Amino acid sequence: MERELTGHTAEIRAALIHPDGRLAISGGRDAVIRLWDLDTGSPVGELHGHARDVMTLALSPSGDRLLSAGYDGTLRLWSLPGGAPGPVIEQPDAIQCVALSDDGLALSGAGDGFRVWRVDTGELLHHWPTNGRMTRVAALTPDTRYAIGGDYTALYVWDVRDGRTLRTMRGHANGPSSIAVAPDGRHLLTGGTDGTARYWDLAAIVAGDVQAARCVRTYKCGGEVTAAWISADGRTARTGSVTGWSRHWRLPEPYRAPARLTRPRSAASLAAGSALFEELLTAATRPGADTLEVLRAARAVPGHERDPRGLAAWQQVGPCVRTGLRAAWTSRTLTGHTAGISAVALGRHCAVTGSRDRTVRIWHPGGVHILEGHEHTVESVALGPDRVLSGAADRTARFWSIATGESQAVLEGFDHGVSAVALSPDGRLALIGTAFRKLILLDAVAMRVLADLEGHRDRITSVAFNPDGRYALSASYDGTMRLWSMPSGELVQVYQGHKGAVTSAAFGTDFLVSCGHDRTVRRWAPVSGECSLLFDAPSFGANAVRVTGDGRYLITAGIDPMLRVFSTIDGTLLRTVPGHTDGVQDITLLPGDWQALSGGFDKVARLWYLDWDLATHRP
């Protein structure tokens, strides 16, 4: 034993170590929460407020907030490292387990069931009764899409967005007694009073096949498992049991199908195809040729569907209209982030990604700038003519040089994390939204606030300027979108219709689009505010939505690994685009719409080529 921490006057019921490894937190039957310096073993603070036993503690993944609960039926939020008290939420029963996310969601388990709260406002989102069975464990996936709870009979997985019970999983003889969620959110480890630890695969739930979620490995631990932990890379786990043993486990590797050889085309066939392609490519440039149809024939030659010369000629045919999406493929994979990608931006000469690993990356054809400075998840990025703007959960926004990657300015003093940012087309204005309703309009040259855009009542999830910079659009967890006149900041219209949070909003040609936690994508008339439902998306709720420049199509990034392309006219699904291996958090289009960039929880950003079908007349 390296050090003993003494000070509690009654039994300790919960203890945590801060992510920085220097602070320990404990709570117990003396109703006091104590903070300890692990370097010296000295107490550094006491948090008072609970009237009875503190039974459970939870830290936000970033470590900047602590949630405590106990027999007095209250949830109490504290800011770290100082321990300043925050909101208090009262429940009708004693609380046995809690979980806390960085975006302010809390899951609590009490005698009458599990509840999901928005802790900053005290709003109750969902209540899942357990019919009198005592709750034992609670967890949220890193993206807060799913809540997981366990009682003495089973483990439950719920959809946080619509409250559905997705899966009830049984395996432990008396239910789980400890739980850990893997960083990828696709696996979890539970320990039970039956002396076993179980490793569960939730990937099928992400893919929409909820019944396929299952236990894939059982470990014998020799006694009730009171603690479970999964490493940051998801490859190993540790369990602790009442017998005093701590065990280290190697977790199963993902299955990879073996490679198979395929017979290539003969040299003669390839040569003939190349000659035909060259002939057709030349014919397309001759006077009087039906250029579109000749190029269509050239691109149909086997082996030349994606020839760069054919693609370039196809883009330059005009005047044409798009009639659908022929295909989409990954033209470049951007790897290097060590955690999920939460935001992307795309320009003609570079791509930008922001990640949960706290970095911003600017990707150039010849290399990448890794921008460090944020101390927490980068929530949003925006690309201007010569600068990048990033916002993070560390309550700062930062300007960076595209050319050098150097930090140019840091904006501090926000009361909550910065959750959404946007730059005007000329880069002179910026919109910055926070995790709790604040939205400001900034002069990005003079670095001064031009206006506080008031009206939203909850987290700002999305901000955007229209192409000419005369209007801006914001969306929020309060279920509304708001249209603002620029640069005055005057409110033009409020759009209501979503049943729950609006996760993304975008400008169309003469309309607006949005998606939300109610798993719908909606089209809006800007002036009247009239809403027409495009489609319901119960199995693939959208995190982000973008509209093509001609206003005919929209692309969604979903909570599953797919991109989807829809008609904006009737909501018809035109194509599903696979590629990512986990949920896609953000997507953006390059002007012209031939390229897109997406990023997701698989830590990968993908640059896509969108191969639009063309016609010389409007169908």
Foldseek 3Di string as FASTA:
>chain_A
DPDDADDDPDDWQEKDAAPVRQWIWTFFFVQKIWIAGPVVSHTDDIDHDDPGGWHEKEAAPLRQKIWIFFQQQKIWIAGPDVGHTAAIAGDPGTWHEKYAYLLQWMWTFGQQAIWIARRNVNDTQDGDGPPRFGWAYWYAQRVNQWIWTKGQAWIWIAGSLPGDTLDTAGDAPGMFREKDAAQLNQWIWTWAQNQKIWIWGNLVLLVQNSVPIYTDDIGGRPGGWNYKAADNVRQKIWTAHPVGDIDIGGDDDDDDDDDDDDDDDDPVLVVVLVVQLVVLLVQLPDPPDPNQVSLVVSLPRPPNVVPPSSLVSNLPDDDWDFDAFPDKDFPDKDFDFSFFWFEKDDEPAWIWTWAQSQWIWIGGPVGIDIAHDGSGGFQYWEDEPFWIWTWFQSQKIWIAGNVPRDTDDIGHDGPGTWHEKYAAHHRQWMWIWGQAQWIFIARRVVGDTQDTQHDDGGGWQYKYAPNNRQKMWTFFQVQKIWIAGPPNRHTQDIAHDDPGGWQEKEDAPQWIWTFRSQQWIWIAGVRVNDIDTQDHGVSWGFNYKYAAHNRQWMWTFTQHQWIWIAGPPRGDTRDIHHDDSGGWNDKDAYHSRQWMWTTTRSNMITIMGTRTRIDNDDD
